[in-house]
Amino acid sequence: GYEINNNFSIFAHYEHGFVNRSNA
């Protein structure tokens, strides 16, 4: 991302899961 004057920011984010959501 990009911060503007150490105040506002805009950022792209990505999450990659590596723990199974199912317990069955």
mmCIF file of all heavy atoms, coordinates in Angstrom:
data_MODEL
# 
_entry.id   MODEL 
# 
loop_
_atom_site.group_PDB 
_atom_site.id 
_atom_site.type_symbol 
_atom_site.label_atom_id 
_atom_site.label_alt_id 
_atom_site.label_comp_id 
_atom_site.label_asym_id 
_atom_site.label_entity_id 
_atom_site.label_seq_id 
_atom_site.pdbx_PDB_ins_code 
_atom_site.Cartn_x 
_atom_site.Cartn_y 
_atom_site.Cartn_z 
_atom_site.occupancy 
_atom_site.B_iso_or_equiv 
_atom_site.pdbx_formal_charge 
_atom_site.auth_seq_id 
_atom_site.auth_comp_id 
_atom_site.auth_asym_id 
_atom_site.auth_atom_id 
_atom_site.pdbx_PDB_model_num 
ATOM 1   N N   . GLY A 1 1  ? 0.784   -1.217  0.000  1.00 0.00 ? 1  GLY A N   1 
ATOM 2   C CA  . GLY A 1 1  ? 0.000   0.000   0.000  1.00 0.00 ? 1  GLY A CA  1 
ATOM 3   C C   . GLY A 1 1  ? 0.816   1.267   0.000  1.00 0.00 ? 1  GLY A C   1 
ATOM 4   O O   . GLY A 1 1  ? 2.039   1.259   -0.176 1.00 0.00 ? 1  GLY A O   1 
ATOM 5   N N   . TYR A 1 2  ? 0.094   2.372   0.216  1.00 0.00 ? 2  TYR A N   1 
ATOM 6   C CA  . TYR A 1 2  ? 0.701   3.703   0.177  1.00 0.00 ? 2  TYR A CA  1 
ATOM 7   C C   . TYR A 1 2  ? 0.106   4.527   1.312  1.00 0.00 ? 2  TYR A C   1 
ATOM 8   O O   . TYR A 1 2  ? -1.115  4.592   1.474  1.00 0.00 ? 2  TYR A O   1 
ATOM 9   C CB  . TYR A 1 2  ? 0.403   4.372   -1.169 1.00 0.00 ? 2  TYR A CB  1 
ATOM 10  C CG  . TYR A 1 2  ? 1.129   5.680   -1.384 1.00 0.00 ? 2  TYR A CG  1 
ATOM 11  C CD1 . TYR A 1 2  ? 2.484   5.698   -1.702 1.00 0.00 ? 2  TYR A CD1 1 
ATOM 12  C CD2 . TYR A 1 2  ? 0.459   6.902   -1.276 1.00 0.00 ? 2  TYR A CD2 1 
ATOM 13  C CE1 . TYR A 1 2  ? 3.158   6.896   -1.916 1.00 0.00 ? 2  TYR A CE1 1 
ATOM 14  C CE2 . TYR A 1 2  ? 1.113   8.103   -1.486 1.00 0.00 ? 2  TYR A CE2 1 
ATOM 15  C CZ  . TYR A 1 2  ? 2.464   8.097   -1.801 1.00 0.00 ? 2  TYR A CZ  1 
ATOM 16  O OH  . TYR A 1 2  ? 3.123   9.286   -2.008 1.00 0.00 ? 2  TYR A OH  1 
ATOM 17  N N   . GLU A 1 3  ? 0.983   5.148   2.106  1.00 0.00 ? 3  GLU A N   1 
ATOM 18  C CA  . GLU A 1 3  ? 0.564   6.064   3.165  1.00 0.00 ? 3  GLU A CA  1 
ATOM 19  C C   . GLU A 1 3  ? 0.746   7.496   2.695  1.00 0.00 ? 3  GLU A C   1 
ATOM 20  O O   . GLU A 1 3  ? 1.753   7.822   2.050  1.00 0.00 ? 3  GLU A O   1 
ATOM 21  C CB  . GLU A 1 3  ? 1.380   5.825   4.438  1.00 0.00 ? 3  GLU A CB  1 
ATOM 22  C CG  . GLU A 1 3  ? 0.946   4.607   5.216  1.00 0.00 ? 3  GLU A CG  1 
ATOM 23  C CD  . GLU A 1 3  ? 1.679   4.488   6.547  1.00 0.00 ? 3  GLU A CD  1 
ATOM 24  O OE1 . GLU A 1 3  ? 2.323   5.478   6.959  1.00 0.00 ? 3  GLU A OE1 1 
ATOM 25  O OE2 . GLU A 1 3  ? 1.602   3.414   7.165  1.00 0.00 ? 3  GLU A OE2 1 
ATOM 26  N N   . ILE A 1 4  ? -0.224  8.344   3.033  1.00 0.00 ? 4  ILE A N   1 
ATOM 27  C CA  . ILE A 1 4  ? -0.210  9.742   2.637  1.00 0.00 ? 4  ILE A CA  1 
ATOM 28  C C   . ILE A 1 4  ? 0.021   10.594  3.873  1.00 0.00 ? 4  ILE A C   1 
ATOM 29  O O   . ILE A 1 4  ? -0.827  10.643  4.775  1.00 0.00 ? 4  ILE A O   1 
ATOM 30  C CB  . ILE A 1 4  ? -1.529  10.140  1.951  1.00 0.00 ? 4  ILE A CB  1 
ATOM 31  C CG1 . ILE A 1 4  ? -1.806  9.214   0.762  1.00 0.00 ? 4  ILE A CG1 1 
ATOM 32  C CG2 . ILE A 1 4  ? -1.499  11.602  1.508  1.00 0.00 ? 4  ILE A CG2 1 
ATOM 33  C CD1 . ILE A 1 4  ? -3.184  9.382   0.170  1.00 0.00 ? 4  ILE A CD1 1 
ATOM 34  N N   . ASN A 1 5  ? 1.200   11.233  3.952  1.00 0.00 ? 5  ASN A N   1 
ATOM 35  C CA  . ASN A 1 5  ? 1.555   12.119  5.066  1.00 0.00 ? 5  ASN A CA  1 
ATOM 36  C C   . ASN A 1 5  ? 1.442   11.423  6.422  1.00 0.00 ? 5  ASN A C   1 
ATOM 37  O O   . ASN A 1 5  ? 1.053   12.046  7.424  1.00 0.00 ? 5  ASN A O   1 
ATOM 38  C CB  . ASN A 1 5  ? 0.691   13.382  5.050  1.00 0.00 ? 5  ASN A CB  1 
ATOM 39  C CG  . ASN A 1 5  ? 0.955   14.243  3.832  1.00 0.00 ? 5  ASN A CG  1 
ATOM 40  O OD1 . ASN A 1 5  ? 2.097   14.331  3.373  1.00 0.00 ? 5  ASN A OD1 1 
ATOM 41  N ND2 . ASN A 1 5  ? -0.091  14.846  3.295  1.00 0.00 ? 5  ASN A ND2 1 
ATOM 42  N N   . ASN A 1 6  ? 1.780   10.122  6.453  1.00 0.00 ? 6  ASN A N   1 
ATOM 43  C CA  . ASN A 1 6  ? 1.710   9.348   7.700  1.00 0.00 ? 6  ASN A CA  1 
ATOM 44  C C   . ASN A 1 6  ? 0.328   9.402   8.341  1.00 0.00 ? 6  ASN A C   1 
ATOM 45  O O   . ASN A 1 6  ? 0.203   9.305   9.560  1.00 0.00 ? 6  ASN A O   1 
ATOM 46  C CB  . ASN A 1 6  ? 2.753   9.860   8.709  1.00 0.00 ? 6  ASN A CB  1 
ATOM 47  C CG  . ASN A 1 6  ? 4.156   9.722   8.197  1.00 0.00 ? 6  ASN A CG  1 
ATOM 48  O OD1 . ASN A 1 6  ? 4.521   8.680   7.643  1.00 0.00 ? 6  ASN A OD1 1 
ATOM 49  N ND2 . ASN A 1 6  ? 4.954   10.762  8.358  1.00 0.00 ? 6  ASN A ND2 1 
ATOM 50  N N   . ASN A 1 7  ? -0.707  9.557   7.544  1.00 0.00 ? 7  ASN A N   1 
ATOM 51  C CA  . ASN A 1 7  ? -2.045  9.767   8.084  1.00 0.00 ? 7  ASN A CA  1 
ATOM 52  C C   . ASN A 1 7  ? -3.052  8.831   7.432  1.00 0.00 ? 7  ASN A C   1 
ATOM 53  O O   . ASN A 1 7  ? -3.603  7.945   8.088  1.00 0.00 ? 7  ASN A O   1 
ATOM 54  C CB  . ASN A 1 7  ? -2.452  11.228  7.886  1.00 0.00 ? 7  ASN A CB  1 
ATOM 55  C CG  . ASN A 1 7  ? -3.648  11.626  8.713  1.00 0.00 ? 7  ASN A CG  1 
ATOM 56  O OD1 . ASN A 1 7  ? -4.227  10.801  9.403  1.00 0.00 ? 7  ASN A OD1 1 
ATOM 57  N ND2 . ASN A 1 7  ? -4.019  12.892  8.665  1.00 0.00 ? 7  ASN A ND2 1 
ATOM 58  N N   . PHE A 1 8  ? -3.308  8.978   6.139  1.00 0.00 ? 8  PHE A N   1 
ATOM 59  C CA  . PHE A 1 8  ? -4.224  8.110   5.405  1.00 0.00 ? 8  PHE A CA  1 
ATOM 60  C C   . PHE A 1 8  ? -3.433  7.032   4.673  1.00 0.00 ? 8  PHE A C   1 
ATOM 61  O O   . PHE A 1 8  ? -2.257  7.212   4.341  1.00 0.00 ? 8  PHE A O   1 
ATOM 62  C CB  . PHE A 1 8  ? -5.045  8.922   4.405  1.00 0.00 ? 8  PHE A CB  1 
ATOM 63  C CG  . PHE A 1 8  ? -6.000  9.894   5.040  1.00 0.00 ? 8  PHE A CG  1 
ATOM 64  C CD1 . PHE A 1 8  ? -5.634  11.212  5.220  1.00 0.00 ? 8  PHE A CD1 1 
ATOM 65  C CD2 . PHE A 1 8  ? -7.253  9.479   5.461  1.00 0.00 ? 8  PHE A CD2 1 
ATOM 66  C CE1 . PHE A 1 8  ? -6.504  12.106  5.812  1.00 0.00 ? 8  PHE A CE1 1 
ATOM 67  C CE2 . PHE A 1 8  ? -8.132  10.358  6.051  1.00 0.00 ? 8  PHE A CE2 1 
ATOM 68  C CZ  . PHE A 1 8  ? -7.753  11.681  6.232  1.00 0.00 ? 8  PHE A CZ  1 
ATOM 69  N N   . SER A 1 9  ? -4.098  5.911   4.400  1.00 0.00 ? 9  SER A N   1 
ATOM 70  C CA  . SER A 1 9  ? -3.448  4.846   3.649  1.00 0.00 ? 9  SER A CA  1 
ATOM 71  C C   . SER A 1 9  ? -4.470  4.116   2.793  1.00 0.00 ? 9  SER A C   1 
ATOM 72  O O   . SER A 1 9  ? -5.664  4.095   3.096  1.00 0.00 ? 9  SER A O   1 
ATOM 73  C CB  . SER A 1 9  ? -2.750  3.854   4.590  1.00 0.00 ? 9  SER A CB  1 
ATOM 74  O OG  . SER A 1 9  ? -3.702  3.143   5.372  1.00 0.00 ? 9  SER A OG  1 
ATOM 75  N N   . ILE A 1 10 ? -3.975  3.535   1.722  1.00 0.00 ? 10 ILE A N   1 
ATOM 76  C CA  . ILE A 1 10 ? -4.750  2.630   0.885  1.00 0.00 ? 10 ILE A CA  1 
ATOM 77  C C   . ILE A 1 10 ? -3.871  1.416   0.629  1.00 0.00 ? 10 ILE A C   1 
ATOM 78  O O   . ILE A 1 10 ? -2.669  1.554   0.378  1.00 0.00 ? 10 ILE A O   1 
ATOM 79  C CB  . ILE A 1 10 ? -5.199  3.300   -0.430 1.00 0.00 ? 10 ILE A CB  1 
ATOM 80  C CG1 . ILE A 1 10 ? -6.034  2.318   -1.265 1.00 0.00 ? 10 ILE A CG1 1 
ATOM 81  C CG2 . ILE A 1 10 ? -4.017  3.863   -1.216 1.00 0.00 ? 10 ILE A CG2 1 
ATOM 82  C CD1 . ILE A 1 10 ? -6.697  2.976   -2.476 1.00 0.00 ? 10 ILE A CD1 1 
ATOM 83  N N   . PHE A 1 11 ? -4.448  0.216   0.748  1.00 0.00 ? 11 PHE A N   1 
ATOM 84  C CA  . PHE A 1 11 ? -3.611  -0.965  0.586  1.00 0.00 ? 11 PHE A CA  1 
ATOM 85  C C   . PHE A 1 11 ? -4.423  -2.138  0.044  1.00 0.00 ? 11 PHE A C   1 
ATOM 86  O O   . PHE A 1 11 ? -5.610  -2.316  0.344  1.00 0.00 ? 11 PHE A O   1 
ATOM 87  C CB  . PHE A 1 11 ? -2.932  -1.357  1.902  1.00 0.00 ? 11 PHE A CB  1 
ATOM 88  C CG  . PHE A 1 11 ? -3.855  -1.602  3.064  1.00 0.00 ? 11 PHE A CG  1 
ATOM 89  C CD1 . PHE A 1 11 ? -4.304  -2.889  3.373  1.00 0.00 ? 11 PHE A CD1 1 
ATOM 90  C CD2 . PHE A 1 11 ? -4.280  -0.553  3.867  1.00 0.00 ? 11 PHE A CD2 1 
ATOM 91  C CE1 . PHE A 1 11 ? -5.144  -3.123  4.444  1.00 0.00 ? 11 PHE A CE1 1 
ATOM 92  C CE2 . PHE A 1 11 ? -5.126  -0.770  4.946  1.00 0.00 ? 11 PHE A CE2 1 
ATOM 93  C CZ  . PHE A 1 11 ? -5.554  -2.063  5.248  1.00 0.00 ? 11 PHE A CZ  1 
ATOM 94  N N   . ALA A 1 12 ? -3.752  -2.911  -0.783 1.00 0.00 ? 12 ALA A N   1 
ATOM 95  C CA  . ALA A 1 12 ? -4.290  -4.184  -1.257 1.00 0.00 ? 12 ALA A CA  1 
ATOM 96  C C   . ALA A 1 12 ? -3.833  -5.275  -0.305 1.00 0.00 ? 12 ALA A C   1 
ATOM 97  O O   . ALA A 1 12 ? -2.722  -5.210  0.251  1.00 0.00 ? 12 ALA A O   1 
ATOM 98  C CB  . ALA A 1 12 ? -3.793  -4.473  -2.667 1.00 0.00 ? 12 ALA A CB  1 
ATOM 99  N N   . HIS A 1 13 ? -4.677  -6.283  -0.099 1.00 0.00 ? 13 HIS A N   1 
ATOM 100 C CA  . HIS A 1 13 ? -4.311  -7.338  0.859  1.00 0.00 ? 13 HIS A CA  1 
ATOM 101 C C   . HIS A 1 13 ? -4.703  -8.706  0.315  1.00 0.00 ? 13 HIS A C   1 
ATOM 102 O O   . HIS A 1 13 ? -5.691  -8.856  -0.410 1.00 0.00 ? 13 HIS A O   1 
ATOM 103 C CB  . HIS A 1 13 ? -4.972  -7.096  2.225  1.00 0.00 ? 13 HIS A CB  1 
ATOM 104 C CG  . HIS A 1 13 ? -6.403  -6.659  2.179  1.00 0.00 ? 13 HIS A CG  1 
ATOM 105 N ND1 . HIS A 1 13 ? -7.473  -7.526  2.157  1.00 0.00 ? 13 HIS A ND1 1 
ATOM 106 C CD2 . HIS A 1 13 ? -6.936  -5.408  2.154  1.00 0.00 ? 13 HIS A CD2 1 
ATOM 107 C CE1 . HIS A 1 13 ? -8.604  -6.845  2.129  1.00 0.00 ? 13 HIS A CE1 1 
ATOM 108 N NE2 . HIS A 1 13 ? -8.314  -5.546  2.123  1.00 0.00 ? 13 HIS A NE2 1 
ATOM 109 N N   . TYR A 1 14 ? -3.882  -9.682  0.687  1.00 0.00 ? 14 TYR A N   1 
ATOM 110 C CA  . TYR A 1 14 ? -4.111  -11.060 0.267  1.00 0.00 ? 14 TYR A CA  1 
ATOM 111 C C   . TYR A 1 14 ? -3.879  -11.980 1.454  1.00 0.00 ? 14 TYR A C   1 
ATOM 112 O O   . TYR A 1 14 ? -2.902  -11.817 2.206  1.00 0.00 ? 14 TYR A O   1 
ATOM 113 C CB  . TYR A 1 14 ? -3.173  -11.452 -0.876 1.00 0.00 ? 14 TYR A CB  1 
ATOM 114 C CG  . TYR A 1 14 ? -3.269  -12.922 -1.251 1.00 0.00 ? 14 TYR A CG  1 
ATOM 115 C CD1 . TYR A 1 14 ? -4.408  -13.424 -1.881 1.00 0.00 ? 14 TYR A CD1 1 
ATOM 116 C CD2 . TYR A 1 14 ? -2.239  -13.800 -0.946 1.00 0.00 ? 14 TYR A CD2 1 
ATOM 117 C CE1 . TYR A 1 14 ? -4.514  -14.766 -2.211 1.00 0.00 ? 14 TYR A CE1 1 
ATOM 118 C CE2 . TYR A 1 14 ? -2.327  -15.147 -1.283 1.00 0.00 ? 14 TYR A CE2 1 
ATOM 119 C CZ  . TYR A 1 14 ? -3.468  -15.625 -1.911 1.00 0.00 ? 14 TYR A CZ  1 
ATOM 120 O OH  . TYR A 1 14 ? -3.570  -16.962 -2.221 1.00 0.00 ? 14 TYR A OH  1 
ATOM 121 N N   . GLU A 1 15 ? -4.806  -12.926 1.662  1.00 0.00 ? 15 GLU A N   1 
ATOM 122 C CA  . GLU A 1 15 ? -4.671  -13.934 2.723  1.00 0.00 ? 15 GLU A CA  1 
ATOM 123 C C   . GLU A 1 15 ? -4.697  -15.319 2.083  1.00 0.00 ? 15 GLU A C   1 
ATOM 124 O O   . GLU A 1 15 ? -5.561  -15.614 1.262  1.00 0.00 ? 15 GLU A O   1 
ATOM 125 C CB  . GLU A 1 15 ? -5.803  -13.816 3.747  1.00 0.00 ? 15 GLU A CB  1 
ATOM 126 C CG  . GLU A 1 15 ? -5.765  -12.542 4.574  1.00 0.00 ? 15 GLU A CG  1 
ATOM 127 C CD  . GLU A 1 15 ? -6.771  -12.583 5.715  1.00 0.00 ? 15 GLU A CD  1 
ATOM 128 O OE1 . GLU A 1 15 ? -7.117  -13.695 6.161  1.00 0.00 ? 15 GLU A OE1 1 
ATOM 129 O OE2 . GLU A 1 15 ? -7.225  -11.506 6.141  1.00 0.00 ? 15 GLU A OE2 1 
ATOM 130 N N   . HIS A 1 16 ? -3.763  -16.139 2.505  1.00 0.00 ? 16 HIS A N   1 
ATOM 131 C CA  . HIS A 1 16 ? -3.646  -17.502 1.987  1.00 0.00 ? 16 HIS A CA  1 
ATOM 132 C C   . HIS A 1 16 ? -3.774  -18.466 3.163  1.00 0.00 ? 16 HIS A C   1 
ATOM 133 O O   . HIS A 1 16 ? -2.861  -18.582 3.981  1.00 0.00 ? 16 HIS A O   1 
ATOM 134 C CB  . HIS A 1 16 ? -2.300  -17.678 1.291  1.00 0.00 ? 16 HIS A CB  1 
ATOM 135 C CG  . HIS A 1 16 ? -2.166  -18.967 0.550  1.00 0.00 ? 16 HIS A CG  1 
ATOM 136 N ND1 . HIS A 1 16 ? -2.501  -19.096 -0.781 1.00 0.00 ? 16 HIS A ND1 1 
ATOM 137 C CD2 . HIS A 1 16 ? -1.750  -20.194 0.959  1.00 0.00 ? 16 HIS A CD2 1 
ATOM 138 C CE1 . HIS A 1 16 ? -2.277  -20.334 -1.171 1.00 0.00 ? 16 HIS A CE1 1 
ATOM 139 N NE2 . HIS A 1 16 ? -1.824  -21.034 -0.131 1.00 0.00 ? 16 HIS A NE2 1 
ATOM 140 N N   . GLY A 1 17 ? -4.935  -19.112 3.278  1.00 0.00 ? 17 GLY A N   1 
ATOM 141 C CA  . GLY A 1 17 ? -5.174  -20.012 4.402  1.00 0.00 ? 17 GLY A CA  1 
ATOM 142 C C   . GLY A 1 17 ? -4.315  -21.257 4.340  1.00 0.00 ? 17 GLY A C   1 
ATOM 143 O O   . GLY A 1 17 ? -4.131  -21.852 3.276  1.00 0.00 ? 17 GLY A O   1 
ATOM 144 N N   . PHE A 1 18 ? -3.782  -21.665 5.503  1.00 0.00 ? 18 PHE A N   1 
ATOM 145 C CA  . PHE A 1 18 ? -2.996  -22.893 5.556  1.00 0.00 ? 18 PHE A CA  1 
ATOM 146 C C   . PHE A 1 18 ? -3.435  -23.814 6.696  1.00 0.00 ? 18 PHE A C   1 
ATOM 147 O O   . PHE A 1 18 ? -2.745  -24.782 7.011  1.00 0.00 ? 18 PHE A O   1 
ATOM 148 C CB  . PHE A 1 18 ? -1.497  -22.588 5.655  1.00 0.00 ? 18 PHE A CB  1 
ATOM 149 C CG  . PHE A 1 18 ? -1.097  -21.678 6.780  1.00 0.00 ? 18 PHE A CG  1 
ATOM 150 C CD1 . PHE A 1 18 ? -0.934  -22.151 8.074  1.00 0.00 ? 18 PHE A CD1 1 
ATOM 151 C CD2 . PHE A 1 18 ? -0.854  -20.333 6.535  1.00 0.00 ? 18 PHE A CD2 1 
ATOM 152 C CE1 . PHE A 1 18 ? -0.569  -21.319 9.098  1.00 0.00 ? 18 PHE A CE1 1 
ATOM 153 C CE2 . PHE A 1 18 ? -0.478  -19.485 7.568  1.00 0.00 ? 18 PHE A CE2 1 
ATOM 154 C CZ  . PHE A 1 18 ? -0.325  -19.982 8.856  1.00 0.00 ? 18 PHE A CZ  1 
ATOM 155 N N   . VAL A 1 19 ? -4.594  -23.538 7.307  1.00 0.00 ? 19 VAL A N   1 
ATOM 156 C CA  . VAL A 1 19 ? -5.184  -24.420 8.315  1.00 0.00 ? 19 VAL A CA  1 
ATOM 157 C C   . VAL A 1 19 ? -6.592  -24.793 7.862  1.00 0.00 ? 19 VAL A C   1 
ATOM 158 O O   . VAL A 1 19 ? -7.391  -23.917 7.512  1.00 0.00 ? 19 VAL A O   1 
ATOM 159 C CB  . VAL A 1 19 ? -5.220  -23.755 9.707  1.00 0.00 ? 19 VAL A CB  1 
ATOM 160 C CG1 . VAL A 1 19 ? -6.022  -24.600 10.691 1.00 0.00 ? 19 VAL A CG1 1 
ATOM 161 C CG2 . VAL A 1 19 ? -3.807  -23.554 10.236 1.00 0.00 ? 19 VAL A CG2 1 
ATOM 162 N N   . ASN A 1 20 ? -6.908  -26.085 7.866  1.00 0.00 ? 20 ASN A N   1 
ATOM 163 C CA  . ASN A 1 20 ? -8.187  -26.597 7.393  1.00 0.00 ? 20 ASN A CA  1 
ATOM 164 C C   . ASN A 1 20 ? -9.342  -26.077 8.246  1.00 0.00 ? 20 ASN A C   1 
ATOM 165 O O   . ASN A 1 20 ? -9.302  -26.145 9.478  1.00 0.00 ? 20 ASN A O   1 
ATOM 166 C CB  . ASN A 1 20 ? -8.153  -28.129 7.417  1.00 0.00 ? 20 ASN A CB  1 
ATOM 167 C CG  . ASN A 1 20 ? -9.383  -28.758 6.808  1.00 0.00 ? 20 ASN A CG  1 
ATOM 168 O OD1 . ASN A 1 20 ? -10.196 -28.093 6.173  1.00 0.00 ? 20 ASN A OD1 1 
ATOM 169 N ND2 . ASN A 1 20 ? -9.523  -30.064 7.005  1.00 0.00 ? 20 ASN A ND2 1 
ATOM 170 N N   . ARG A 1 21 ? -10.401 -25.578 7.566  1.00 0.00 ? 21 ARG A N   1 
ATOM 171 C CA  . ARG A 1 21 ? -11.558 -25.060 8.286  1.00 0.00 ? 21 ARG A CA  1 
ATOM 172 C C   . ARG A 1 21 ? -12.492 -26.180 8.747  1.00 0.00 ? 21 ARG A C   1 
ATOM 173 O O   . ARG A 1 21 ? -13.404 -25.946 9.541  1.00 0.00 ? 21 ARG A O   1 
ATOM 174 C CB  . ARG A 1 21 ? -12.341 -24.108 7.382  1.00 0.00 ? 21 ARG A CB  1 
ATOM 175 C CG  . ARG A 1 21 ? -13.363 -23.258 8.118  1.00 0.00 ? 21 ARG A CG  1 
ATOM 176 C CD  . ARG A 1 21 ? -12.732 -21.964 8.575  1.00 0.00 ? 21 ARG A CD  1 
ATOM 177 N NE  . ARG A 1 21 ? -13.070 -21.608 9.923  1.00 0.00 ? 21 ARG A NE  1 
ATOM 178 C CZ  . ARG A 1 21 ? -12.822 -20.389 10.436 1.00 0.00 ? 21 ARG A CZ  1 
ATOM 179 N NH1 . ARG A 1 21 ? -12.241 -19.467 9.713  1.00 0.00 ? 21 ARG A NH1 1 
ATOM 180 N NH2 . ARG A 1 21 ? -13.129 -20.120 11.672 1.00 0.00 ? 21 ARG A NH2 1 
ATOM 181 N N   . SER A 1 22 ? -12.283 -27.396 8.286  1.00 0.00 ? 22 SER A N   1 
ATOM 182 C CA  . SER A 1 22 ? -13.148 -28.517 8.657  1.00 0.00 ? 22 SER A CA  1 
ATOM 183 C C   . SER A 1 22 ? -12.456 -29.404 9.689  1.00 0.00 ? 22 SER A C   1 
ATOM 184 O O   . SER A 1 22 ? -11.268 -29.708 9.574  1.00 0.00 ? 22 SER A O   1 
ATOM 185 C CB  . SER A 1 22 ? -13.487 -29.356 7.425  1.00 0.00 ? 22 SER A CB  1 
ATOM 186 O OG  . SER A 1 22 ? -14.143 -30.554 7.789  1.00 0.00 ? 22 SER A OG  1 
ATOM 187 N N   . ASN A 1 23 ? -13.222 -29.826 10.704 1.00 0.00 ? 23 ASN A N   1 
ATOM 188 C CA  . ASN A 1 23 ? -12.725 -30.750 11.719 1.00 0.00 ? 23 ASN A CA  1 
ATOM 189 C C   . ASN A 1 23 ? -13.219 -32.178 11.517 1.00 0.00 ? 23 ASN A C   1 
ATOM 190 O O   . ASN A 1 23 ? -12.822 -33.082 12.260 1.00 0.00 ? 23 ASN A O   1 
ATOM 191 C CB  . ASN A 1 23 ? -13.162 -30.288 13.116 1.00 0.00 ? 23 ASN A CB  1 
ATOM 192 C CG  . ASN A 1 23 ? -12.231 -29.249 13.701 1.00 0.00 ? 23 ASN A CG  1 
ATOM 193 O OD1 . ASN A 1 23 ? -11.061 -29.179 13.338 1.00 0.00 ? 23 ASN A OD1 1 
ATOM 194 N ND2 . ASN A 1 23 ? -12.749 -28.423 14.602 1.00 0.00 ? 23 ASN A ND2 1 
ATOM 195 N N   . ALA A 1 24 ? -14.096 -32.393 10.549 1.00 0.00 ? 24 ALA A N   1 
ATOM 196 C CA  . ALA A 1 24 ? -14.734 -33.704 10.386 1.00 0.00 ? 24 ALA A CA  1 
ATOM 197 C C   . ALA A 1 24 ? -13.705 -34.765 9.965  1.00 0.00 ? 24 ALA A C   1 
ATOM 198 O O   . ALA A 1 24 ? -12.869 -34.516 9.089  1.00 0.00 ? 24 ALA A O   1 
ATOM 199 C CB  . ALA A 1 24 ? -15.845 -33.619 9.348  1.00 0.00 ? 24 ALA A CB  1 
# 
